[in-house]
Amino acid sequence: METPIQIDQNLLQEALNLSNYTTATALIEATLHEYIQHRKQLKILELFGTINYEEDYNYKQQRQVV
């Protein structure tokens, strides 16, 4: 999908200089991938402490080789 956007050229050039990407398109796609990954990680972190396990649950039992 082609989406016309206006990006500050100084910001774009600085990002290109700091990266290994040679085109703005490659840089923007990589940046979007990183953003998505980061947001997914934040959602996972929100789950910490929200799952209650039974006191006698043996998580190591799942690791045994059959």
Protein backbone atom coordinates (compact mmCIF):
# COMPACT_ATOMS: atom_id res chain seq x y z
CA MET A 1 0.00 0.00 0.00
CA GLU A 2 1.39 3.34 -0.97
CA THR A 3 0.83 6.11 1.56
CA PRO A 4 2.02 9.64 0.91
CA ILE A 5 3.38 11.20 4.11
CA GLN A 6 5.38 14.26 4.99
CA ILE A 7 8.39 13.63 7.20
CA ASP A 8 10.86 16.17 8.51
CA GLN A 9 13.82 15.74 6.14
CA ASN A 10 16.39 16.48 8.84
CA LEU A 11 14.88 13.79 11.06
CA LEU A 12 14.79 11.31 8.19
CA GLN A 13 18.39 12.06 7.20
CA GLU A 14 19.61 11.67 10.79
CA ALA A 15 17.86 8.31 11.06
CA LEU A 16 19.38 7.18 7.75
CA ASN A 17 22.84 8.25 8.95
CA LEU A 18 22.43 6.22 12.14
CA SER A 19 21.18 3.13 10.36
CA ASN A 20 22.46 0.68 7.78
CA TYR A 21 19.55 1.38 5.46
CA THR A 22 20.16 3.10 2.16
CA THR A 23 16.58 4.09 1.36
CA ALA A 24 13.92 5.91 3.31
CA THR A 25 11.40 3.19 2.49
CA ALA A 26 13.56 0.46 4.03
CA LEU A 27 14.21 2.62 7.09
CA ILE A 28 10.52 3.40 7.61
CA GLU A 29 9.51 -0.26 7.22
CA ALA A 30 12.16 -1.35 9.73
CA THR A 31 11.06 1.38 12.11
CA LEU A 32 7.45 0.24 11.88
CA HIS A 33 8.49 -3.36 12.59
CA GLU A 34 10.43 -2.23 15.66
CA TYR A 35 7.51 -0.10 16.85
CA ILE A 36 5.07 -3.01 16.49
CA GLN A 37 7.43 -5.39 18.32
CA HIS A 38 7.90 -2.87 21.14
CA ARG A 39 4.15 -2.32 21.55
CA LYS A 40 3.54 -6.08 21.67
CA GLN A 41 6.21 -6.43 24.35
CA LEU A 42 4.54 -3.70 26.40
CA LYS A 43 1.23 -5.55 26.18
CA ILE A 44 2.91 -8.71 27.47
CA LEU A 45 4.47 -6.78 30.35
CA GLU A 46 1.00 -5.58 31.35
CA LEU A 47 0.05 -9.23 32.00
CA PHE A 48 2.69 -9.74 34.68
CA GLY A 49 1.04 -10.24 38.02
CA THR A 50 -2.42 -10.77 36.54
CA ILE A 51 -2.28 -14.57 36.28
CA ASN A 52 -2.82 -16.48 39.49
CA TYR A 53 -1.49 -20.02 39.67
CA GLU A 54 -2.55 -22.69 42.12
CA GLU A 55 -0.15 -22.94 45.06
CA ASP A 56 0.62 -26.61 44.37
CA TYR A 57 1.21 -26.14 40.61
CA ASN A 58 4.50 -27.78 39.57
CA TYR A 59 5.76 -25.90 36.52
CA LYS A 60 8.88 -28.09 36.33
CA GLN A 61 6.72 -31.14 35.68
CA GLN A 62 6.06 -29.82 32.14
CA ARG A 63 9.82 -29.84 31.42
CA GLN A 64 10.36 -33.55 32.00
CA VAL A 65 11.50 -35.46 28.92
CA VAL A 66 9.28 -38.39 28.12
